Amino acid sequence: MPTENNFLFNVSLSDKNYQVYFYPKDDVVFSASKIYKMFATFESPYINGGDGFVSWNKLKVNYEKFNNNELYIYLRSSNTSNSTDLSWTGPFLQDEYDISNLNQQFIQIMVVMSTNYLNITSPILNSINLSYFKLGSEEKFFTKTFDLGFKPKNIILTYNGEIPDSTIIQFAVSGKDSSDSNDFHIITPNSVDDISKTPDLNDKIKIMISGVGNKNVPFIIDEFSLMLSGEDQVIIT
């Protein structure tokens, strides 16, 4: 039987040569002659957006990076504080990002650091800041109810306006002549949305526009346009 730290043999993997040693433990440990890359991963607990949460807003990262090392930020959001099977969004490689597409109340952060054998020096993470939108600063506007003459299946909405960074705009549709936001289904601008299974949707449609942000900084919607398709199609401007 080989003795502790005893050299066993050479091995070649991916055109690189390594030396294998024996260590008398329950699990066999292999030692290579060079370390080409090292990684460290850190996961935060889930952070709660709290009551009145609408959407996450900005991610700001302050860090120091040296030669031959990297720092990556990943995020994931959830409706609960104990989800472990959700996929991560990222990596975020810049100092600031818009993360308003993450609209679930709980958010988790993962930091991945890497370095190589030329410079065994870790990057330094100084701070991570998250901002978010919450209710209490929301304004809603409603259009009239449009008579389409058919039940729509898909919708595309585009708009022009002046939207400050501190504001998030949402568009929603309903088949009811209602001013209750619970009757509306949120749609994504500049994207084809399937609304065929939207409750109470019929041959009529009404649009709700909501803005959440700083009341002292106004937002302006100059115009918007809708294209709807089903058994027929119609354009509303």
C-alpha atoms as a PDB file:
ATOM      1  CA  MET A   1       0.000   0.000   0.000  1.00  0.00           C
ATOM      2  CA  PRO A   2       1.389   3.481  -0.829  1.00  0.00           C
ATOM      3  CA  THR A   3       2.500   5.658   2.044  1.00  0.00           C
ATOM      4  CA  GLU A   4       1.171   9.147   2.890  1.00  0.00           C
ATOM      5  CA  ASN A   5       1.845  11.793   0.210  1.00  0.00           C
ATOM      6  CA  ASN A   6       3.453   9.123  -1.933  1.00  0.00           C
ATOM      7  CA  PHE A   7       3.678   9.905  -5.641  1.00  0.00           C
ATOM      8  CA  LEU A   8       1.700   7.397  -7.723  1.00  0.00           C
ATOM      9  CA  PHE A   9       1.748   8.353 -11.412  1.00  0.00           C
ATOM     10  CA  ASN A  10       1.480  11.110 -14.019  1.00  0.00           C
ATOM     11  CA  VAL A  11      -1.756  11.792 -15.870  1.00  0.00           C
ATOM     12  CA  SER A  12      -2.608  13.953 -18.880  1.00  0.00           C
ATOM     13  CA  LEU A  13      -5.970  15.755 -19.090  1.00  0.00           C
ATOM     14  CA  SER A  14      -6.891  18.170 -21.890  1.00  0.00           C
ATOM     15  CA  ASP A  15      -3.255  18.310 -23.018  1.00  0.00           C
ATOM     16  CA  LYS A  16      -2.053  19.285 -19.531  1.00  0.00           C
ATOM     17  CA  ASN A  17       0.170  17.100 -17.350  1.00  0.00           C
ATOM     18  CA  TYR A  18      -0.623  16.428 -13.684  1.00  0.00           C
ATOM     19  CA  GLN A  19       0.897  14.398 -10.865  1.00  0.00           C
ATOM     20  CA  VAL A  20      -1.301  12.182  -8.680  1.00  0.00           C
ATOM     21  CA  TYR A  21      -0.463  11.528  -5.006  1.00  0.00           C
ATOM     22  CA  PHE A  22      -1.943   9.144  -2.432  1.00  0.00           C
ATOM     23  CA  TYR A  23      -3.444  10.341   0.875  1.00  0.00           C
ATOM     24  CA  PRO A  24      -4.589   7.748   3.454  1.00  0.00           C
ATOM     25  CA  LYS A  25      -8.176   8.976   4.036  1.00  0.00           C
ATOM     26  CA  ASP A  26     -11.647   7.505   3.660  1.00  0.00           C
ATOM     27  CA  ASP A  27     -12.046   9.433   0.403  1.00  0.00           C
ATOM     28  CA  VAL A  28      -9.208   9.483  -2.107  1.00  0.00           C
ATOM     29  CA  VAL A  29      -7.791  13.004  -2.622  1.00  0.00           C
ATOM     30  CA  PHE A  30      -5.891  13.928  -5.757  1.00  0.00           C
ATOM     31  CA  SER A  31      -3.341  16.730  -5.956  1.00  0.00           C
ATOM     32  CA  ALA A  32      -2.418  18.528  -9.186  1.00  0.00           C
ATOM     33  CA  SER A  33       0.892  20.197  -9.867  1.00  0.00           C
ATOM     34  CA  LYS A  34      -0.809  23.500 -10.896  1.00  0.00           C
ATOM     35  CA  ILE A  35      -3.917  25.395  -9.865  1.00  0.00           C
ATOM     36  CA  TYR A  36      -5.337  27.082 -12.947  1.00  0.00           C
ATOM     37  CA  LYS A  37      -8.544  28.585 -11.504  1.00  0.00           C
ATOM     38  CA  MET A  38     -10.097  28.997  -8.072  1.00  0.00           C
ATOM     39  CA  PHE A  39     -13.681  30.009  -7.264  1.00  0.00           C
ATOM     40  CA  ALA A  40     -15.502  31.120  -4.128  1.00  0.00           C
ATOM     41  CA  THR A  41     -19.300  31.368  -3.931  1.00  0.00           C
ATOM     42  CA  PHE A  42     -21.391  33.243  -1.343  1.00  0.00           C
ATOM     43  CA  GLU A  43     -25.196  33.220  -1.091  1.00  0.00           C
ATOM     44  CA  SER A  44     -27.230  35.704   0.938  1.00  0.00           C
ATOM     45  CA  PRO A  45     -30.461  34.837   2.741  1.00  0.00           C
ATOM     46  CA  TYR A  46     -33.635  35.975   0.967  1.00  0.00           C
ATOM     47  CA  ILE A  47     -34.310  39.716   1.388  1.00  0.00           C
ATOM     48  CA  ASN A  48     -37.958  40.716   1.936  1.00  0.00           C
ATOM     49  CA  GLY A  49     -39.311  43.693  -0.039  1.00  0.00           C
ATOM     50  CA  GLY A  50     -41.978  44.130   2.652  1.00  0.00           C
ATOM     51  CA  ASP A  51     -45.579  45.327   2.621  1.00  0.00           C
ATOM     52  CA  GLY A  52     -46.707  47.232  -0.461  1.00  0.00           C
ATOM     53  CA  PHE A  53     -43.883  45.820  -2.583  1.00  0.00           C
ATOM     54  CA  VAL A  54     -44.327  46.323  -6.367  1.00  0.00           C
ATOM     55  CA  SER A  55     -40.986  45.613  -8.066  1.00  0.00           C
ATOM     56  CA  TRP A  56     -37.241  45.711  -7.541  1.00  0.00           C
ATOM     57  CA  ASN A  57     -35.610  48.750  -9.172  1.00  0.00           C
ATOM     58  CA  LYS A  58     -31.803  49.059  -9.248  1.00  0.00           C
ATOM     59  CA  LEU A  59     -28.783  46.928  -8.321  1.00  0.00           C
ATOM     60  CA  LYS A  60     -25.628  48.876  -7.453  1.00  0.00           C
ATOM     61  CA  VAL A  61     -22.333  47.105  -6.711  1.00  0.00           C
ATOM     62  CA  ASN A  62     -19.107  48.616  -5.364  1.00  0.00           C
ATOM     63  CA  TYR A  63     -16.062  46.350  -5.669  1.00  0.00           C
ATOM     64  CA  GLU A  64     -12.339  46.296  -6.449  1.00  0.00           C
ATOM     65  CA  LYS A  65     -10.995  43.932  -9.100  1.00  0.00           C
ATOM     66  CA  PHE A  66      -7.316  43.134  -9.732  1.00  0.00           C
ATOM     67  CA  ASN A  67      -5.392  41.440 -12.541  1.00  0.00           C
ATOM     68  CA  ASN A  68      -6.616  37.970 -13.493  1.00  0.00           C
ATOM     69  CA  ASN A  69      -9.550  37.872 -11.099  1.00  0.00           C
ATOM     70  CA  GLU A  70     -13.289  38.425 -11.562  1.00  0.00           C
ATOM     71  CA  LEU A  71     -16.425  39.106  -9.527  1.00  0.00           C
ATOM     72  CA  TYR A  72     -19.913  38.104 -10.700  1.00  0.00           C
ATOM     73  CA  ILE A  73     -23.299  38.931  -9.162  1.00  0.00           C
ATOM     74  CA  TYR A  74     -26.391  36.738  -9.664  1.00  0.00           C
ATOM     75  CA  LEU A  75     -29.954  37.377  -8.451  1.00  0.00           C
ATOM     76  CA  ARG A  76     -33.189  35.439  -8.164  1.00  0.00           C
ATOM     77  CA  SER A  77     -36.598  36.510  -6.852  1.00  0.00           C
ATOM     78  CA  SER A  78     -39.388  34.443  -5.344  1.00  0.00           C
ATOM     79  CA  ASN A  79     -42.796  34.735  -3.705  1.00  0.00           C
ATOM     80  CA  THR A  80     -41.440  32.871  -0.666  1.00  0.00           C
ATOM     81  CA  SER A  81     -38.327  33.095   1.491  1.00  0.00           C
ATOM     82  CA  ASN A  82     -37.269  29.450   1.184  1.00  0.00           C
ATOM     83  CA  SER A  83     -37.137  28.686  -2.562  1.00  0.00           C
ATOM     84  CA  THR A  84     -33.952  26.842  -3.520  1.00  0.00           C
ATOM     85  CA  ASP A  85     -34.847  25.422  -6.962  1.00  0.00           C
ATOM     86  CA  LEU A  86     -35.255  28.679  -8.906  1.00  0.00           C
ATOM     87  CA  SER A  87     -32.815  29.635 -11.646  1.00  0.00           C
ATOM     88  CA  TRP A  88     -30.427  32.576 -11.201  1.00  0.00           C
ATOM     89  CA  THR A  89     -30.426  35.764 -13.323  1.00  0.00           C
ATOM     90  CA  GLY A  90     -27.005  37.100 -14.322  1.00  0.00           C
ATOM     91  CA  PRO A  91     -24.136  37.468 -14.260  1.00  0.00           C
ATOM     92  CA  PHE A  92     -24.164  41.214 -13.546  1.00  0.00           C
ATOM     93  CA  LEU A  93     -20.718  42.546 -14.446  1.00  0.00           C
ATOM     94  CA  GLN A  94     -21.222  46.329 -14.282  1.00  0.00           C
ATOM     95  CA  ASP A  95     -21.596  48.745 -11.362  1.00  0.00           C
ATOM     96  CA  GLU A  96     -25.338  49.397 -11.858  1.00  0.00           C
ATOM     97  CA  TYR A  97     -28.247  47.497 -13.398  1.00  0.00           C
ATOM     98  CA  ASP A  98     -31.989  47.917 -13.919  1.00  0.00           C
ATOM     99  CA  ILE A  99     -33.648  44.897 -12.253  1.00  0.00           C
ATOM    100  CA  SER A 100     -37.283  46.067 -12.485  1.00  0.00           C
ATOM    101  CA  ASN A 101     -38.149  42.826 -14.342  1.00  0.00           C
ATOM    102  CA  LEU A 102     -37.738  41.018 -10.979  1.00  0.00           C
ATOM    103  CA  ASN A 103     -41.168  41.622  -9.428  1.00  0.00           C
ATOM    104  CA  GLN A 104     -41.443  38.983  -6.717  1.00  0.00           C
ATOM    105  CA  GLN A 105     -41.267  40.108  -3.098  1.00  0.00           C
ATOM    106  CA  PHE A 106     -38.207  38.125  -1.963  1.00  0.00           C
ATOM    107  CA  ILE A 107     -34.771  38.425  -3.583  1.00  0.00           C
ATOM    108  CA  GLN A 108     -31.534  36.491  -3.057  1.00  0.00           C
ATOM    109  CA  ILE A 109     -27.983  37.486  -4.031  1.00  0.00           C
ATOM    110  CA  MET A 110     -25.143  35.161  -5.063  1.00  0.00           C
ATOM    111  CA  VAL A 111     -21.563  36.444  -5.371  1.00  0.00           C
ATOM    112  CA  VAL A 112     -18.994  34.412  -7.333  1.00  0.00           C
ATOM    113  CA  MET A 113     -15.301  35.347  -7.133  1.00  0.00           C
ATOM    114  CA  SER A 114     -12.573  33.831  -9.269  1.00  0.00           C
ATOM    115  CA  THR A 115      -8.797  34.058  -9.559  1.00  0.00           C
ATOM    116  CA  ASN A 116      -6.044  32.040 -11.231  1.00  0.00           C
ATOM    117  CA  TYR A 117      -2.587  30.714 -10.432  1.00  0.00           C
ATOM    118  CA  LEU A 118      -0.850  33.811 -11.810  1.00  0.00           C
ATOM    119  CA  ASN A 119      -2.319  36.051  -9.122  1.00  0.00           C
ATOM    120  CA  ILE A 120      -3.779  34.429  -5.987  1.00  0.00           C
ATOM    121  CA  THR A 121      -5.538  37.651  -4.976  1.00  0.00           C
ATOM    122  CA  SER A 122      -9.266  37.848  -4.342  1.00  0.00           C
ATOM    123  CA  PRO A 123     -11.435  40.710  -5.611  1.00  0.00           C
ATOM    124  CA  ILE A 124     -12.856  42.900  -2.827  1.00  0.00           C
ATOM    125  CA  LEU A 125     -16.606  43.420  -2.515  1.00  0.00           C
ATOM    126  CA  ASN A 126     -17.335  46.672  -0.658  1.00  0.00           C
ATOM    127  CA  SER A 127     -21.119  46.955  -0.898  1.00  0.00           C
ATOM    128  CA  ILE A 128     -24.299  45.852  -2.680  1.00  0.00           C
ATOM    129  CA  ASN A 129     -27.343  48.151  -2.751  1.00  0.00           C
ATOM    130  CA  LEU A 130     -30.853  47.201  -3.867  1.00  0.00           C
ATOM    131  CA  SER A 131     -33.708  49.655  -4.401  1.00  0.00           C
ATOM    132  CA  TYR A 132     -37.364  48.840  -5.057  1.00  0.00           C
ATOM    133  CA  PHE A 133     -40.799  50.324  -5.752  1.00  0.00           C
ATOM    134  CA  LYS A 134     -43.691  50.056  -3.313  1.00  0.00           C
ATOM    135  CA  LEU A 135     -47.323  51.162  -3.174  1.00  0.00           C
ATOM    136  CA  GLY A 136     -48.227  54.561  -1.786  1.00  0.00           C
ATOM    137  CA  SER A 137     -46.942  56.515  -4.756  1.00  0.00           C
ATOM    138  CA  GLU A 138     -49.074  54.949  -7.498  1.00  0.00           C
ATOM    139  CA  GLU A 139     -51.191  56.788 -10.066  1.00  0.00           C
ATOM    140  CA  LYS A 140     -53.737  55.020 -12.310  1.00  0.00           C
ATOM    141  CA  PHE A 141     -55.382  56.087 -15.553  1.00  0.00           C
ATOM    142  CA  PHE A 142     -58.110  54.293 -17.507  1.00  0.00           C
ATOM    143  CA  THR A 143     -59.177  54.466 -21.137  1.00  0.00           C
ATOM    144  CA  LYS A 144     -62.734  54.113 -22.343  1.00  0.00           C
ATOM    145  CA  THR A 145     -63.988  50.613 -23.150  1.00  0.00           C
ATOM    146  CA  PHE A 146     -63.336  49.695 -26.787  1.00  0.00           C
ATOM    147  CA  ASP A 147     -65.800  47.480 -28.692  1.00  0.00           C
ATOM    148  CA  LEU A 148     -63.652  45.125 -30.818  1.00  0.00           C
ATOM    149  CA  GLY A 149     -66.300  42.957 -32.429  1.00  0.00           C
ATOM    150  CA  PHE A 150     -64.280  39.791 -31.658  1.00  0.00           C
ATOM    151  CA  LYS A 151     -62.557  38.104 -28.712  1.00  0.00           C
ATOM    152  CA  PRO A 152     -58.789  38.847 -28.826  1.00  0.00           C
ATOM    153  CA  LYS A 153     -56.132  36.156 -28.350  1.00  0.00           C
ATOM    154  CA  ASN A 154     -52.898  38.168 -28.609  1.00  0.00           C
ATOM    155  CA  ILE A 155     -51.958  41.777 -27.948  1.00  0.00           C
ATOM    156  CA  ILE A 156     -48.981  44.048 -28.704  1.00  0.00           C
ATOM    157  CA  LEU A 157     -48.711  47.458 -27.008  1.00  0.00           C
ATOM    158  CA  THR A 158     -46.169  50.165 -27.839  1.00  0.00           C
ATOM    159  CA  TYR A 159     -45.912  53.664 -26.377  1.00  0.00           C
ATOM    160  CA  ASN A 160     -43.893  56.887 -26.408  1.00  0.00           C
ATOM    161  CA  GLY A 161     -43.293  59.115 -23.414  1.00  0.00           C
ATOM    162  CA  GLU A 162     -40.912  60.585 -20.867  1.00  0.00           C
ATOM    163  CA  ILE A 163     -40.370  58.094 -18.041  1.00  0.00           C
ATOM    164  CA  PRO A 164     -37.878  59.058 -15.281  1.00  0.00           C
ATOM    165  CA  ASP A 165     -35.575  56.399 -13.836  1.00  0.00           C
ATOM    166  CA  SER A 166     -37.427  56.603 -10.514  1.00  0.00           C
ATOM    167  CA  THR A 167     -40.746  55.479 -12.088  1.00  0.00           C
ATOM    168  CA  ILE A 168     -42.042  52.131 -13.285  1.00  0.00           C
ATOM    169  CA  ILE A 169     -44.912  52.063 -15.789  1.00  0.00           C
ATOM    170  CA  GLN A 170     -47.347  49.163 -16.153  1.00  0.00           C
ATOM    171  CA  PHE A 171     -50.102  48.539 -18.711  1.00  0.00           C
ATOM    172  CA  ALA A 172     -53.006  46.184 -18.048  1.00  0.00           C
ATOM    173  CA  VAL A 173     -56.150  45.063 -19.891  1.00  0.00           C
ATOM    174  CA  SER A 174     -59.643  43.989 -18.870  1.00  0.00           C
ATOM    175  CA  GLY A 175     -62.838  42.888 -20.568  1.00  0.00           C
ATOM    176  CA  LYS A 176     -64.872  44.773 -17.970  1.00  0.00           C
ATOM    177  CA  ASP A 177     -65.868  48.427 -17.890  1.00  0.00           C
ATOM    178  CA  SER A 178     -64.161  48.661 -14.480  1.00  0.00           C
ATOM    179  CA  SER A 179     -61.891  50.956 -12.476  1.00  0.00           C
ATOM    180  CA  ASP A 180     -60.810  48.213 -10.065  1.00  0.00           C
ATOM    181  CA  SER A 181     -57.169  47.220 -10.706  1.00  0.00           C
ATOM    182  CA  ASN A 182     -57.966  43.654  -9.564  1.00  0.00           C
ATOM    183  CA  ASP A 183     -59.996  43.207 -12.764  1.00  0.00           C
ATOM    184  CA  PHE A 184     -56.969  43.931 -14.985  1.00  0.00           C
ATOM    185  CA  HIS A 185     -54.294  41.642 -16.412  1.00  0.00           C
ATOM    186  CA  ILE A 186     -50.760  43.139 -16.722  1.00  0.00           C
ATOM    187  CA  ILE A 187     -49.172  43.035 -20.175  1.00  0.00           C
ATOM    188  CA  THR A 188     -45.598  43.694 -21.311  1.00  0.00           C
ATOM    189  CA  PRO A 189     -45.023  46.627 -23.713  1.00  0.00           C
ATOM    190  CA  ASN A 190     -43.236  45.914 -27.014  1.00  0.00           C
ATOM    191  CA  SER A 191     -43.947  42.214 -26.677  1.00  0.00           C
ATOM    192  CA  VAL A 192     -46.612  39.780 -27.902  1.00  0.00           C
ATOM    193  CA  ASP A 193     -48.777  38.730 -24.950  1.00  0.00           C
ATOM    194  CA  ASP A 194     -51.198  35.805 -25.003  1.00  0.00           C
ATOM    195  CA  ILE A 195     -54.413  37.075 -23.368  1.00  0.00           C
ATOM    196  CA  SER A 196     -56.711  34.296 -24.581  1.00  0.00           C
ATOM    197  CA  LYS A 197     -57.103  32.903 -21.053  1.00  0.00           C
ATOM    198  CA  THR A 198     -57.566  36.268 -19.322  1.00  0.00           C
ATOM    199  CA  PRO A 199     -60.703  36.064 -17.103  1.00  0.00           C
ATOM    200  CA  ASP A 200     -63.781  38.054 -18.260  1.00  0.00           C
ATOM    201  CA  LEU A 201     -62.165  38.979 -21.577  1.00  0.00           C
ATOM    202  CA  ASN A 202     -64.735  39.150 -24.389  1.00  0.00           C
ATOM    203  CA  ASP A 203     -65.245  41.333 -27.442  1.00  0.00           C
ATOM    204  CA  LYS A 204     -64.535  44.480 -25.400  1.00  0.00           C
ATOM    205  CA  ILE A 205     -61.271  45.760 -23.911  1.00  0.00           C
ATOM    206  CA  LYS A 206     -60.252  48.510 -21.515  1.00  0.00           C
ATOM    207  CA  ILE A 207     -56.699  49.674 -20.739  1.00  0.00           C
ATOM    208  CA  MET A 208     -55.252  50.676 -17.358  1.00  0.00           C
ATOM    209  CA  ILE A 209     -51.991  52.645 -17.155  1.00  0.00           C
ATOM    210  CA  SER A 210     -50.295  52.791 -13.746  1.00  0.00           C
ATOM    211  CA  GLY A 211     -47.157  54.606 -12.665  1.00  0.00           C
ATOM    212  CA  VAL A 212     -45.263  53.961  -9.429  1.00  0.00           C
ATOM    213  CA  GLY A 213     -42.499  56.279  -8.269  1.00  0.00           C
ATOM    214  CA  ASN A 214     -41.762  59.725  -6.897  1.00  0.00           C
ATOM    215  CA  LYS A 215     -44.843  61.979  -6.985  1.00  0.00           C
ATOM    216  CA  ASN A 216     -42.570  65.019  -7.313  1.00  0.00           C
ATOM    217  CA  VAL A 217     -41.100  63.694 -10.589  1.00  0.00           C
ATOM    218  CA  PRO A 218     -43.878  63.425 -13.229  1.00  0.00           C
ATOM    219  CA  PHE A 219     -44.019  60.873 -16.015  1.00  0.00           C
ATOM    220  CA  ILE A 220     -45.554  61.607 -19.415  1.00  0.00           C
ATOM    221  CA  ILE A 221     -47.233  59.157 -21.808  1.00  0.00           C
ATOM    222  CA  ASP A 222     -47.499  60.960 -25.154  1.00  0.00           C
ATOM    223  CA  GLU A 223     -49.230  58.145 -27.013  1.00  0.00           C
ATOM    224  CA  PHE A 224     -49.709  54.405 -27.094  1.00  0.00           C
ATOM    225  CA  SER A 225     -50.874  51.937 -29.717  1.00  0.00           C
ATOM    226  CA  LEU A 226     -52.473  48.506 -29.477  1.00  0.00           C
ATOM    227  CA  MET A 227     -52.660  45.699 -31.997  1.00  0.00           C
ATOM    228  CA  LEU A 228     -54.961  42.802 -31.155  1.00  0.00           C
ATOM    229  CA  SER A 229     -55.470  39.562 -33.026  1.00  0.00           C
ATOM    230  CA  GLY A 230     -57.978  36.753 -32.780  1.00  0.00           C
ATOM    231  CA  GLU A 231     -60.425  35.621 -35.436  1.00  0.00           C
ATOM    232  CA  ASP A 232     -59.921  39.156 -36.744  1.00  0.00           C
ATOM    233  CA  GLN A 233     -57.453  41.932 -35.950  1.00  0.00           C
ATOM    234  CA  VAL A 234     -57.705  45.606 -35.033  1.00  0.00           C
ATOM    235  CA  ILE A 235     -55.317  48.490 -34.299  1.00  0.00           C
ATOM    236  CA  ILE A 236     -56.160  51.047 -31.605  1.00  0.00           C
ATOM    237  CA  THR A 237     -54.201  54.304 -31.320  1.00  0.00           C
END
